[in-house]
């Protein structure tokens, strides 16, 4: 951790940076987040991870509170983007809720020429078991180039469900066969592992970022 509050991988000047936030219930240093960060760094990217204040409070031994209102999380993400020193192009995103929060501020930062794109890992298109409560309204008019890495059987938005969503042409997908919300497939069905899907996601993200810078 070479900057206060951030976990950095591939911290080399001039590299494109991806600033990632965690999901609602897990911290920035989970095996999932670490594998993605290390995979991207191995492919020439600089990755910064940060925690929203409610999660940082848990780390300090505070109560296990749920995430606050999304408007507060948006402001915290903006503050993190302001605080992270970055000499190359900046991309923002995250896992599940973290990616959703990034998507809500992306166009403002894009209009200011502060970010080059958005990366979401397991986007929560709707609450689990409530496909009618979509979180896609802002994605219909999204201008920021976006890549969503999604498992085809993600209970927060499957590939079949996403085919019916009204999404901007700026949104591209990397579909991971049989992956769940953590991109984990059923090995007995596919012969694949979560680690393989995380490697595929890292490869696709790196390729997409290279094309965007």
C-alpha atoms as a PDB file:
ATOM      1  CA  UNK A   1       0.000   0.000   0.000  1.00  0.00           C
ATOM      2  CA  UNK A   2       2.081   2.866  -1.318  1.00  0.00           C
ATOM      3  CA  UNK A   3      -0.553   5.596  -0.946  1.00  0.00           C
ATOM      4  CA  UNK A   4      -2.702   6.108   2.159  1.00  0.00           C
ATOM      5  CA  UNK A   5      -6.037   4.374   1.760  1.00  0.00           C
ATOM      6  CA  UNK A   6      -5.201   2.593  -1.474  1.00  0.00           C
ATOM      7  CA  UNK A   7      -3.961  -0.865  -2.368  1.00  0.00           C
ATOM      8  CA  UNK A   8      -1.849  -0.530  -5.507  1.00  0.00           C
ATOM      9  CA  UNK A   9      -0.716  -3.189  -7.972  1.00  0.00           C
ATOM     10  CA  UNK A  10       1.512  -2.525 -10.961  1.00  0.00           C
ATOM     11  CA  UNK A  11       2.401   0.893  -9.581  1.00  0.00           C
ATOM     12  CA  UNK A  12       4.516   2.096 -12.519  1.00  0.00           C
ATOM     13  CA  UNK A  13       4.411   5.736 -13.720  1.00  0.00           C
ATOM     14  CA  UNK A  14       2.612   6.351 -16.990  1.00  0.00           C
ATOM     15  CA  UNK A  15       0.516   3.200 -16.960  1.00  0.00           C
ATOM     16  CA  UNK A  16      -3.233   3.355 -17.440  1.00  0.00           C
ATOM     17  CA  UNK A  17      -4.846   3.119 -14.001  1.00  0.00           C
ATOM     18  CA  UNK A  18      -8.051   1.322 -13.047  1.00  0.00           C
ATOM     19  CA  UNK A  19      -9.583   2.481  -9.762  1.00  0.00           C
ATOM     20  CA  UNK A  20     -11.736  -0.310  -8.329  1.00  0.00           C
ATOM     21  CA  UNK A  21     -14.266  -0.338  -5.496  1.00  0.00           C
ATOM     22  CA  UNK A  22     -15.474  -3.442  -3.676  1.00  0.00           C
ATOM     23  CA  UNK A  23     -18.917  -5.026  -3.467  1.00  0.00           C
ATOM     24  CA  UNK A  24     -21.493  -4.425  -0.753  1.00  0.00           C
ATOM     25  CA  UNK A  25     -20.439  -7.159   1.654  1.00  0.00           C
ATOM     26  CA  UNK A  26     -16.738  -7.808   1.064  1.00  0.00           C
ATOM     27  CA  UNK A  27     -13.614  -5.683   1.450  1.00  0.00           C
ATOM     28  CA  UNK A  28     -11.063  -4.528  -1.121  1.00  0.00           C
ATOM     29  CA  UNK A  29      -8.585  -7.302  -0.329  1.00  0.00           C
ATOM     30  CA  UNK A  30     -10.789 -10.365  -0.885  1.00  0.00           C
ATOM     31  CA  UNK A  31      -9.341 -13.176  -3.029  1.00  0.00           C
ATOM     32  CA  UNK A  32     -11.583 -12.035  -5.912  1.00  0.00           C
ATOM     33  CA  UNK A  33     -10.384  -8.423  -5.822  1.00  0.00           C
ATOM     34  CA  UNK A  34      -6.783  -9.454  -5.312  1.00  0.00           C
ATOM     35  CA  UNK A  35      -6.858 -11.893  -8.230  1.00  0.00           C
ATOM     36  CA  UNK A  36      -8.322  -9.288 -10.574  1.00  0.00           C
ATOM     37  CA  UNK A  37      -5.841  -6.627  -9.460  1.00  0.00           C
ATOM     38  CA  UNK A  38      -2.877  -8.949  -9.836  1.00  0.00           C
ATOM     39  CA  UNK A  39      -4.115 -10.223 -13.188  1.00  0.00           C
ATOM     40  CA  UNK A  40      -4.476  -6.711 -14.551  1.00  0.00           C
ATOM     41  CA  UNK A  41      -1.101  -5.611 -13.179  1.00  0.00           C
ATOM     42  CA  UNK A  42       0.529  -8.627 -14.849  1.00  0.00           C
ATOM     43  CA  UNK A  43      -0.885  -7.325 -18.125  1.00  0.00           C
ATOM     44  CA  UNK A  44       0.649  -3.875 -17.829  1.00  0.00           C
ATOM     45  CA  UNK A  45      -2.030  -1.948 -15.956  1.00  0.00           C
ATOM     46  CA  UNK A  46      -1.882  -0.042 -12.692  1.00  0.00           C
ATOM     47  CA  UNK A  47      -4.699  -0.930 -10.311  1.00  0.00           C
ATOM     48  CA  UNK A  48      -5.843   1.038  -7.286  1.00  0.00           C
ATOM     49  CA  UNK A  49      -8.323  -0.399  -4.795  1.00  0.00           C
ATOM     50  CA  UNK A  50     -10.080   1.547  -2.065  1.00  0.00           C
ATOM     51  CA  UNK A  51     -12.779   1.019   0.542  1.00  0.00           C
ATOM     52  CA  UNK A  52     -15.917   2.986   1.208  1.00  0.00           C
ATOM     53  CA  UNK A  53     -15.993   4.409   4.724  1.00  0.00           C
ATOM     54  CA  UNK A  54     -18.545   1.908   6.077  1.00  0.00           C
ATOM     55  CA  UNK A  55     -16.251  -0.973   5.088  1.00  0.00           C
ATOM     56  CA  UNK A  56     -13.146   0.784   6.419  1.00  0.00           C
ATOM     57  CA  UNK A  57     -14.997   1.205   9.709  1.00  0.00           C
ATOM     58  CA  UNK A  58     -15.613  -2.549   9.842  1.00  0.00           C
ATOM     59  CA  UNK A  59     -11.883  -3.109   9.343  1.00  0.00           C
ATOM     60  CA  UNK A  60     -11.192  -0.926  12.359  1.00  0.00           C
ATOM     61  CA  UNK A  61     -13.482  -3.085  14.463  1.00  0.00           C
ATOM     62  CA  UNK A  62     -16.626  -1.049  14.078  1.00  0.00           C
ATOM     63  CA  UNK A  63     -20.135  -2.458  13.698  1.00  0.00           C
ATOM     64  CA  UNK A  64     -21.104  -4.391  10.592  1.00  0.00           C
ATOM     65  CA  UNK A  65     -23.414  -1.838   9.059  1.00  0.00           C
ATOM     66  CA  UNK A  66     -24.946  -2.130   5.580  1.00  0.00           C
ATOM     67  CA  UNK A  67     -23.820   0.286   2.862  1.00  0.00           C
ATOM     68  CA  UNK A  68     -25.203   3.828   3.168  1.00  0.00           C
ATOM     69  CA  UNK A  69     -27.288   5.545   0.496  1.00  0.00           C
ATOM     70  CA  UNK A  70     -25.833   5.328  -2.971  1.00  0.00           C
ATOM     71  CA  UNK A  71     -25.547   9.129  -3.182  1.00  0.00           C
ATOM     72  CA  UNK A  72     -23.012   9.094  -0.344  1.00  0.00           C
ATOM     73  CA  UNK A  73     -21.093   6.269  -2.001  1.00  0.00           C
ATOM     74  CA  UNK A  74     -20.921   8.310  -5.195  1.00  0.00           C
ATOM     75  CA  UNK A  75     -19.300  11.185  -3.337  1.00  0.00           C
ATOM     76  CA  UNK A  76     -16.813   8.833  -1.694  1.00  0.00           C
ATOM     77  CA  UNK A  77     -15.900   7.383  -5.096  1.00  0.00           C
ATOM     78  CA  UNK A  78     -15.378  10.888  -6.483  1.00  0.00           C
ATOM     79  CA  UNK A  79     -13.132  11.678  -3.524  1.00  0.00           C
ATOM     80  CA  UNK A  80     -11.095   8.536  -4.143  1.00  0.00           C
ATOM     81  CA  UNK A  81     -10.670   9.477  -7.801  1.00  0.00           C
ATOM     82  CA  UNK A  82      -9.513  12.928  -6.714  1.00  0.00           C
ATOM     83  CA  UNK A  83      -7.061  11.516  -4.177  1.00  0.00           C
ATOM     84  CA  UNK A  84      -5.396   8.866  -6.326  1.00  0.00           C
ATOM     85  CA  UNK A  85      -2.314  10.236  -8.056  1.00  0.00           C
ATOM     86  CA  UNK A  86      -2.414   9.144 -11.676  1.00  0.00           C
ATOM     87  CA  UNK A  87       0.050  10.006 -14.442  1.00  0.00           C
ATOM     88  CA  UNK A  88      -1.672   7.907 -17.108  1.00  0.00           C
ATOM     89  CA  UNK A  89      -5.247   7.463 -18.271  1.00  0.00           C
ATOM     90  CA  UNK A  90      -7.810   6.701 -15.557  1.00  0.00           C
ATOM     91  CA  UNK A  91     -10.577   4.117 -15.672  1.00  0.00           C
ATOM     92  CA  UNK A  92     -13.051   3.543 -12.853  1.00  0.00           C
ATOM     93  CA  UNK A  93     -15.140   0.559 -11.843  1.00  0.00           C
ATOM     94  CA  UNK A  94     -15.522  -2.209  -9.343  1.00  0.00           C
ATOM     95  CA  UNK A  95     -17.120  -5.401  -8.171  1.00  0.00           C
ATOM     96  CA  UNK A  96     -20.934  -5.490  -8.056  1.00  0.00           C
ATOM     97  CA  UNK A  97     -22.042  -2.468  -5.993  1.00  0.00           C
ATOM     98  CA  UNK A  98     -18.663  -0.796  -6.535  1.00  0.00           C
ATOM     99  CA  UNK A  99     -19.151  -1.009 -10.296  1.00  0.00           C
ATOM    100  CA  UNK A 100     -22.691   0.319 -10.020  1.00  0.00           C
ATOM    101  CA  UNK A 101     -21.509   3.339  -8.012  1.00  0.00           C
ATOM    102  CA  UNK A 102     -18.771   3.985 -10.566  1.00  0.00           C
ATOM    103  CA  UNK A 103     -21.325   3.801 -13.373  1.00  0.00           C
ATOM    104  CA  UNK A 104     -23.417   6.501 -11.694  1.00  0.00           C
ATOM    105  CA  UNK A 105     -20.567   9.032 -11.697  1.00  0.00           C
ATOM    106  CA  UNK A 106     -18.836   7.940 -14.901  1.00  0.00           C
ATOM    107  CA  UNK A 107     -20.513  10.357 -17.314  1.00  0.00           C
ATOM    108  CA  UNK A 108     -19.776  13.379 -15.118  1.00  0.00           C
ATOM    109  CA  UNK A 109     -16.090  12.454 -15.001  1.00  0.00           C
ATOM    110  CA  UNK A 110     -16.104  11.559 -18.697  1.00  0.00           C
ATOM    111  CA  UNK A 111     -17.499  15.011 -19.550  1.00  0.00           C
ATOM    112  CA  UNK A 112     -14.657  16.555 -17.556  1.00  0.00           C
ATOM    113  CA  UNK A 113     -12.150  14.425 -19.515  1.00  0.00           C
ATOM    114  CA  UNK A 114     -11.045  12.821 -16.254  1.00  0.00           C
ATOM    115  CA  UNK A 115     -11.773   9.185 -17.090  1.00  0.00           C
ATOM    116  CA  UNK A 116     -11.440   7.111 -20.237  1.00  0.00           C
ATOM    117  CA  UNK A 117     -13.824   4.312 -19.352  1.00  0.00           C
ATOM    118  CA  UNK A 118     -15.765   2.169 -16.924  1.00  0.00           C
ATOM    119  CA  UNK A 119     -15.141  -1.464 -15.917  1.00  0.00           C
ATOM    120  CA  UNK A 120     -17.756  -3.470 -14.002  1.00  0.00           C
ATOM    121  CA  UNK A 121     -17.262  -6.950 -12.585  1.00  0.00           C
ATOM    122  CA  UNK A 122     -20.615  -8.621 -11.967  1.00  0.00           C
ATOM    123  CA  UNK A 123     -22.953  -5.661 -12.439  1.00  0.00           C
ATOM    124  CA  UNK A 124     -26.037  -5.868 -10.157  1.00  0.00           C
ATOM    125  CA  UNK A 125     -28.690  -5.185 -12.790  1.00  0.00           C
ATOM    126  CA  UNK A 126     -31.400  -5.929 -10.237  1.00  0.00           C
ATOM    127  CA  UNK A 127     -31.659  -7.240  -6.662  1.00  0.00           C
ATOM    128  CA  UNK A 128     -31.434 -11.013  -6.449  1.00  0.00           C
ATOM    129  CA  UNK A 129     -34.861 -12.549  -7.011  1.00  0.00           C
ATOM    130  CA  UNK A 130     -36.377  -9.220  -8.122  1.00  0.00           C
ATOM    131  CA  UNK A 131     -35.727  -8.928 -11.868  1.00  0.00           C
ATOM    132  CA  UNK A 132     -38.464  -6.310 -12.203  1.00  0.00           C
ATOM    133  CA  UNK A 133     -36.496  -3.789 -10.091  1.00  0.00           C
ATOM    134  CA  UNK A 134     -33.930  -2.824 -12.688  1.00  0.00           C
ATOM    135  CA  UNK A 135     -30.905  -0.604 -11.985  1.00  0.00           C
ATOM    136  CA  UNK A 136     -30.360   0.236 -15.635  1.00  0.00           C
ATOM    137  CA  UNK A 137     -32.044   3.601 -16.275  1.00  0.00           C
ATOM    138  CA  UNK A 138     -28.770   5.534 -16.329  1.00  0.00           C
ATOM    139  CA  UNK A 139     -27.133   2.914 -18.541  1.00  0.00           C
ATOM    140  CA  UNK A 140     -29.541   3.608 -21.403  1.00  0.00           C
ATOM    141  CA  UNK A 141     -27.905   6.968 -22.088  1.00  0.00           C
ATOM    142  CA  UNK A 142     -24.372   6.210 -20.867  1.00  0.00           C
ATOM    143  CA  UNK A 143     -21.714   8.003 -22.910  1.00  0.00           C
ATOM    144  CA  UNK A 144     -18.661   6.614 -21.130  1.00  0.00           C
ATOM    145  CA  UNK A 145     -17.197   3.532 -22.835  1.00  0.00           C
ATOM    146  CA  UNK A 146     -17.966   0.614 -20.527  1.00  0.00           C
ATOM    147  CA  UNK A 147     -17.005  -3.041 -20.269  1.00  0.00           C
ATOM    148  CA  UNK A 148     -19.119  -5.319 -18.090  1.00  0.00           C
ATOM    149  CA  UNK A 149     -17.657  -8.721 -17.203  1.00  0.00           C
ATOM    150  CA  UNK A 150     -20.653 -10.838 -16.258  1.00  0.00           C
ATOM    151  CA  UNK A 151     -21.356 -14.483 -15.565  1.00  0.00           C
ATOM    152  CA  UNK A 152     -24.009 -15.879 -17.887  1.00  0.00           C
ATOM    153  CA  UNK A 153     -26.036 -17.186 -14.909  1.00  0.00           C
ATOM    154  CA  UNK A 154     -25.462 -14.234 -12.569  1.00  0.00           C
ATOM    155  CA  UNK A 155     -28.575 -14.048 -10.342  1.00  0.00           C
ATOM    156  CA  UNK A 156     -28.293 -10.247 -10.430  1.00  0.00           C
ATOM    157  CA  UNK A 157     -28.608 -10.247 -14.234  1.00  0.00           C
ATOM    158  CA  UNK A 158     -28.176 -13.237 -16.532  1.00  0.00           C
ATOM    159  CA  UNK A 159     -27.130 -13.131 -20.165  1.00  0.00           C
ATOM    160  CA  UNK A 160     -30.680 -13.989 -21.196  1.00  0.00           C
ATOM    161  CA  UNK A 161     -32.094 -11.152 -19.091  1.00  0.00           C
ATOM    162  CA  UNK A 162     -29.524  -8.622 -20.312  1.00  0.00           C
ATOM    163  CA  UNK A 163     -30.608  -9.215 -23.899  1.00  0.00           C
ATOM    164  CA  UNK A 164     -33.831  -7.360 -23.097  1.00  0.00           C
ATOM    165  CA  UNK A 165     -32.263  -4.395 -21.293  1.00  0.00           C
ATOM    166  CA  UNK A 166     -32.192  -0.914 -22.818  1.00  0.00           C
ATOM    167  CA  UNK A 167     -28.452  -0.229 -22.746  1.00  0.00           C
ATOM    168  CA  UNK A 168     -26.314   2.376 -24.465  1.00  0.00           C
ATOM    169  CA  UNK A 169     -24.167   1.372 -27.409  1.00  0.00           C
ATOM    170  CA  UNK A 170     -21.229   2.452 -25.220  1.00  0.00           C
ATOM    171  CA  UNK A 171     -21.717  -0.719 -23.131  1.00  0.00           C
ATOM    172  CA  UNK A 172     -19.819  -3.862 -24.137  1.00  0.00           C
ATOM    173  CA  UNK A 173     -19.941  -7.246 -22.440  1.00  0.00           C
ATOM    174  CA  UNK A 174     -17.442  -9.954 -21.620  1.00  0.00           C
ATOM    175  CA  UNK A 175     -19.627 -12.989 -20.859  1.00  0.00           C
ATOM    176  CA  UNK A 176     -18.140 -15.735 -18.703  1.00  0.00           C
ATOM    177  CA  UNK A 177     -19.736 -19.105 -19.412  1.00  0.00           C
ATOM    178  CA  UNK A 178     -21.889 -20.376 -16.517  1.00  0.00           C
ATOM    179  CA  UNK A 179     -20.380 -17.818 -14.151  1.00  0.00           C
ATOM    180  CA  UNK A 180     -22.298 -16.661 -11.074  1.00  0.00           C
ATOM    181  CA  UNK A 181     -22.081 -13.211  -9.445  1.00  0.00           C
ATOM    182  CA  UNK A 182     -18.445 -13.931  -8.539  1.00  0.00           C
ATOM    183  CA  UNK A 183     -17.791 -15.205 -12.080  1.00  0.00           C
ATOM    184  CA  UNK A 184     -17.555 -18.732 -10.679  1.00  0.00           C
ATOM    185  CA  UNK A 185     -18.731 -21.517 -13.020  1.00  0.00           C
ATOM    186  CA  UNK A 186     -19.843 -24.994 -12.085  1.00  0.00           C
ATOM    187  CA  UNK A 187     -16.780 -27.077 -12.881  1.00  0.00           C
ATOM    188  CA  UNK A 188     -18.809 -30.260 -13.268  1.00  0.00           C
ATOM    189  CA  UNK A 189     -20.847 -28.500 -15.970  1.00  0.00           C
ATOM    190  CA  UNK A 190     -18.169 -26.512 -17.791  1.00  0.00           C
ATOM    191  CA  UNK A 191     -14.829 -28.008 -16.787  1.00  0.00           C
ATOM    192  CA  UNK A 192     -13.771 -24.446 -15.950  1.00  0.00           C
ATOM    193  CA  UNK A 193     -12.759 -22.810 -12.667  1.00  0.00           C
ATOM    194  CA  UNK A 194     -13.278 -19.382 -11.173  1.00  0.00           C
ATOM    195  CA  UNK A 195      -9.549 -18.709 -11.477  1.00  0.00           C
ATOM    196  CA  UNK A 196      -9.761 -19.348 -15.217  1.00  0.00           C
ATOM    197  CA  UNK A 197     -12.683 -16.967 -15.562  1.00  0.00           C
ATOM    198  CA  UNK A 198     -10.839 -14.292 -13.570  1.00  0.00           C
ATOM    199  CA  UNK A 199      -7.852 -14.694 -15.877  1.00  0.00           C
ATOM    200  CA  UNK A 200     -10.137 -14.384 -18.907  1.00  0.00           C
ATOM    201  CA  UNK A 201     -11.739 -11.274 -17.438  1.00  0.00           C
ATOM    202  CA  UNK A 202      -8.341  -9.705 -16.738  1.00  0.00           C
ATOM    203  CA  UNK A 203      -7.203 -10.472 -20.297  1.00  0.00           C
ATOM    204  CA  UNK A 204     -10.342  -8.964 -21.837  1.00  0.00           C
ATOM    205  CA  UNK A 205     -10.190  -5.870 -19.624  1.00  0.00           C
ATOM    206  CA  UNK A 206      -6.517  -5.274 -20.479  1.00  0.00           C
ATOM    207  CA  UNK A 207      -7.244  -5.651 -24.187  1.00  0.00           C
ATOM    208  CA  UNK A 208     -10.206  -3.297 -23.959  1.00  0.00           C
ATOM    209  CA  UNK A 209      -8.266  -0.681 -21.990  1.00  0.00           C
ATOM    210  CA  UNK A 210      -5.412  -0.793 -24.498  1.00  0.00           C
ATOM    211  CA  UNK A 211      -7.863  -0.070 -27.294  1.00  0.00           C
ATOM    212  CA  UNK A 212      -9.438   2.789 -25.325  1.00  0.00           C
ATOM    213  CA  UNK A 213      -6.317   4.765 -24.402  1.00  0.00           C
END
